[in-house]
Amino acid sequence: MNLATAPTVHFLFRHPAHFIALGGGAGLARHAPGTLGTLVAFPLAWLLREFAGDTGFVIAVCAALAGGVWAAQVTGQALGAPDHGSIVIDEIAAFLLVLFLVGADPRREALAFLVFRAFDIFKPPPIRALDAALKNGIGVMLDDVLAAAYTLVVMAVGQRVLAWLVA
């Protein structure tokens, strides 16, 4: 598939890896597919909290990360671009990790969403270098895992500062 051509619904259903990598269709969005992909993590997290408990949630995050490597690799090859903009499993899996660790408070979830999207979009060091160096499924997933780690550090520091200010 030509990189200039956006994937279609037909492409989405042509291979299970495409369906996973494109976030069940979220990656087909014409504008901001990464943001839409990140939003897909919210209902998944709510369902996991409700029906799977912490253990199931952790297993789902691990499966999404591992399966995402495979799906991103296969789909990137099919699209002719290792980190095509329509591949959003990286945002979904990494943000699921963030949502698991920040808890179910809607304000914390919303703040984590904004912080994660900022790190994912602006790619501060070493995320940008990693993204440029690893042009495969692992690289696609790893840059978002780093964005998730940065998000979690910001959230933890923010929580400590807020506790210090209130005390």
Protein backbone atom coordinates (compact mmCIF):
# COMPACT_ATOMS: atom_id res chain seq x y z
CA MET A 1 0.00 0.00 0.00
CA ASN A 2 1.26 3.46 -0.84
CA LEU A 3 2.10 5.61 2.19
CA ALA A 4 0.25 8.55 0.62
CA THR A 5 -2.91 6.44 0.61
CA ALA A 6 -4.73 6.13 3.89
CA PRO A 7 -5.78 2.60 4.84
CA THR A 8 -9.37 1.68 4.11
CA VAL A 9 -12.02 -0.34 5.91
CA HIS A 10 -11.14 -3.20 3.54
CA PHE A 11 -7.49 -2.98 4.68
CA LEU A 12 -8.63 -2.95 8.33
CA PHE A 13 -10.34 -6.32 7.95
CA ARG A 14 -7.83 -7.92 5.56
CA HIS A 15 -5.61 -9.24 8.38
CA PRO A 16 -6.08 -9.55 12.17
CA ALA A 17 -2.86 -7.58 12.70
CA HIS A 18 -4.34 -4.65 10.76
CA PHE A 19 -7.47 -4.65 12.93
CA ILE A 20 -5.35 -4.66 16.09
CA ALA A 21 -2.81 -2.10 14.87
CA LEU A 22 -5.50 0.28 13.65
CA GLY A 23 -7.30 0.06 16.98
CA GLY A 24 -10.43 -1.57 15.60
CA GLY A 25 -10.84 1.33 13.19
CA ALA A 26 -9.72 4.30 15.29
CA GLY A 27 -6.61 4.59 13.11
CA LEU A 28 -8.79 5.22 10.06
CA ALA A 29 -9.65 8.70 11.37
CA ARG A 30 -8.60 11.42 8.94
CA HIS A 31 -7.57 13.80 11.70
CA ALA A 32 -5.66 13.01 14.90
CA PRO A 33 -5.81 9.19 14.77
CA GLY A 34 -3.31 9.00 17.65
CA THR A 35 -5.59 11.06 19.85
CA LEU A 36 -8.58 8.94 18.90
CA GLY A 37 -6.54 5.81 19.56
CA THR A 38 -5.61 7.11 22.99
CA LEU A 39 -9.29 7.75 23.71
CA VAL A 40 -10.06 4.11 22.86
CA ALA A 41 -8.13 3.15 25.98
CA PHE A 42 -10.75 4.80 28.24
CA PRO A 43 -13.66 2.41 27.63
CA LEU A 44 -11.26 -0.52 27.59
CA ALA A 45 -9.92 0.51 31.00
CA TRP A 46 -13.41 0.99 32.40
CA LEU A 47 -14.41 -2.48 31.19
CA LEU A 48 -11.22 -4.06 32.54
CA ARG A 49 -11.71 -2.41 35.95
CA GLU A 50 -15.31 -3.57 36.07
CA PHE A 51 -14.92 -7.15 34.86
CA ALA A 52 -11.26 -8.23 35.03
CA GLY A 53 -9.87 -6.79 38.26
CA ASP A 54 -6.25 -5.75 38.69
CA THR A 55 -4.77 -9.05 37.57
CA GLY A 56 -6.86 -9.16 34.42
CA PHE A 57 -6.05 -5.52 33.71
CA VAL A 58 -2.30 -6.17 33.97
CA ILE A 59 -2.59 -9.25 31.76
CA ALA A 60 -4.55 -7.22 29.19
CA VAL A 61 -1.91 -4.46 29.19
CA CYS A 62 0.88 -7.01 28.71
CA ALA A 63 -1.06 -8.71 25.92
CA ALA A 64 -1.74 -5.37 24.22
CA LEU A 65 1.93 -4.42 24.39
CA ALA A 66 3.17 -7.80 23.11
CA GLY A 67 0.43 -8.15 20.50
CA GLY A 68 0.99 -4.55 19.50
CA VAL A 69 4.60 -5.26 18.57
CA TRP A 70 3.46 -7.99 16.19
CA ALA A 71 0.48 -6.06 14.81
CA ALA A 72 2.50 -2.87 14.26
CA GLN A 73 5.26 -4.82 12.51
CA VAL A 74 2.88 -6.63 10.14
CA THR A 75 0.76 -3.55 9.45
CA GLY A 76 3.72 -1.21 9.03
CA GLN A 77 5.17 -3.57 6.42
CA ALA A 78 1.82 -3.75 4.60
CA LEU A 79 1.49 0.04 4.61
CA GLY A 80 5.09 0.61 3.56
CA ALA A 81 5.85 2.70 6.65
CA PRO A 82 7.01 1.21 9.96
CA ASP A 83 5.20 3.83 12.07
CA HIS A 84 2.32 4.86 9.81
CA GLY A 85 0.05 7.41 11.46
CA SER A 86 -2.90 5.05 11.30
CA ILE A 87 -1.18 2.56 13.63
CA VAL A 88 -2.65 3.39 17.04
CA ILE A 89 -2.21 0.20 19.08
CA ASP A 90 0.88 1.86 20.57
CA GLU A 91 -1.21 4.70 22.01
CA ILE A 92 -3.93 2.33 23.19
CA ALA A 93 -1.59 -0.10 24.97
CA ALA A 94 0.66 2.55 26.51
CA PHE A 95 -2.25 4.64 27.74
CA LEU A 96 -3.94 1.56 29.20
CA LEU A 97 -0.80 1.18 31.30
CA VAL A 98 -1.11 4.81 32.41
CA LEU A 99 -4.80 4.41 33.24
CA PHE A 100 -4.09 1.31 35.31
CA LEU A 101 -1.49 3.15 37.38
CA VAL A 102 -3.24 6.53 37.81
CA GLY A 103 -6.45 4.91 39.03
CA ALA A 104 -10.10 5.51 38.28
CA ASP A 105 -10.37 9.18 39.29
CA PRO A 106 -11.79 11.05 36.24
CA ARG A 107 -9.72 14.20 36.92
CA ARG A 108 -6.48 12.22 37.12
CA GLU A 109 -7.43 10.29 33.99
CA ALA A 110 -8.15 13.51 32.08
CA LEU A 111 -4.88 15.11 33.20
CA ALA A 112 -2.96 11.95 32.34
CA PHE A 113 -4.55 11.99 28.88
CA LEU A 114 -3.35 15.56 28.24
CA VAL A 115 0.15 14.87 29.56
CA PHE A 116 0.46 11.61 27.61
CA ARG A 117 -0.67 13.21 24.35
CA ALA A 118 1.85 16.04 24.84
CA PHE A 119 4.72 13.59 25.35
CA ASP A 120 3.55 11.44 22.44
CA ILE A 121 3.25 14.41 20.08
CA PHE A 122 6.38 16.37 21.04
CA LYS A 123 8.59 13.31 21.70
CA PRO A 124 11.18 14.75 24.11
CA PRO A 125 14.60 13.05 24.34
CA PRO A 126 15.23 10.18 24.12
CA ILE A 127 11.80 9.37 22.64
CA ARG A 128 12.46 11.12 19.30
CA ALA A 129 15.87 9.42 18.91
CA LEU A 130 14.40 6.03 19.73
CA ASP A 131 11.53 6.61 17.31
CA ALA A 132 14.04 7.47 14.56
CA ALA A 133 16.38 4.56 15.33
CA LEU A 134 13.97 1.64 15.68
CA LYS A 135 11.86 1.28 12.55
CA ASN A 136 9.96 -1.85 13.51
CA GLY A 137 7.13 -3.04 15.74
CA ILE A 138 9.26 -2.75 18.86
CA GLY A 139 10.17 0.85 18.04
CA VAL A 140 6.55 1.74 17.34
CA MET A 141 5.49 0.45 20.76
CA LEU A 142 8.55 1.54 22.75
CA ASP A 143 8.30 5.27 22.04
CA ASP A 144 4.76 5.29 23.45
CA VAL A 145 5.80 3.23 26.46
CA LEU A 146 8.42 5.93 27.15
CA ALA A 147 5.74 8.61 26.76
CA ALA A 148 3.68 6.65 29.29
CA ALA A 149 6.64 6.49 31.68
CA TYR A 150 7.17 10.26 31.38
CA THR A 151 3.46 10.77 32.01
CA LEU A 152 3.56 8.63 35.13
CA VAL A 153 6.58 10.55 36.47
CA VAL A 154 4.79 13.87 35.90
CA MET A 155 1.65 12.54 37.58
CA ALA A 156 3.62 11.25 40.59
CA VAL A 157 5.58 14.50 40.99
CA GLY A 158 2.36 16.49 40.61
CA GLN A 159 0.69 14.42 43.30
CA ARG A 160 3.62 14.96 45.69
CA VAL A 161 3.72 18.70 45.02
CA LEU A 162 -0.04 18.98 45.52
CA ALA A 163 0.19 17.05 48.80
CA TRP A 164 3.01 19.33 49.93
CA LEU A 165 1.02 22.47 49.04
CA VAL A 166 -2.10 21.26 50.84
CA ALA A 167 -0.23 20.14 53.98
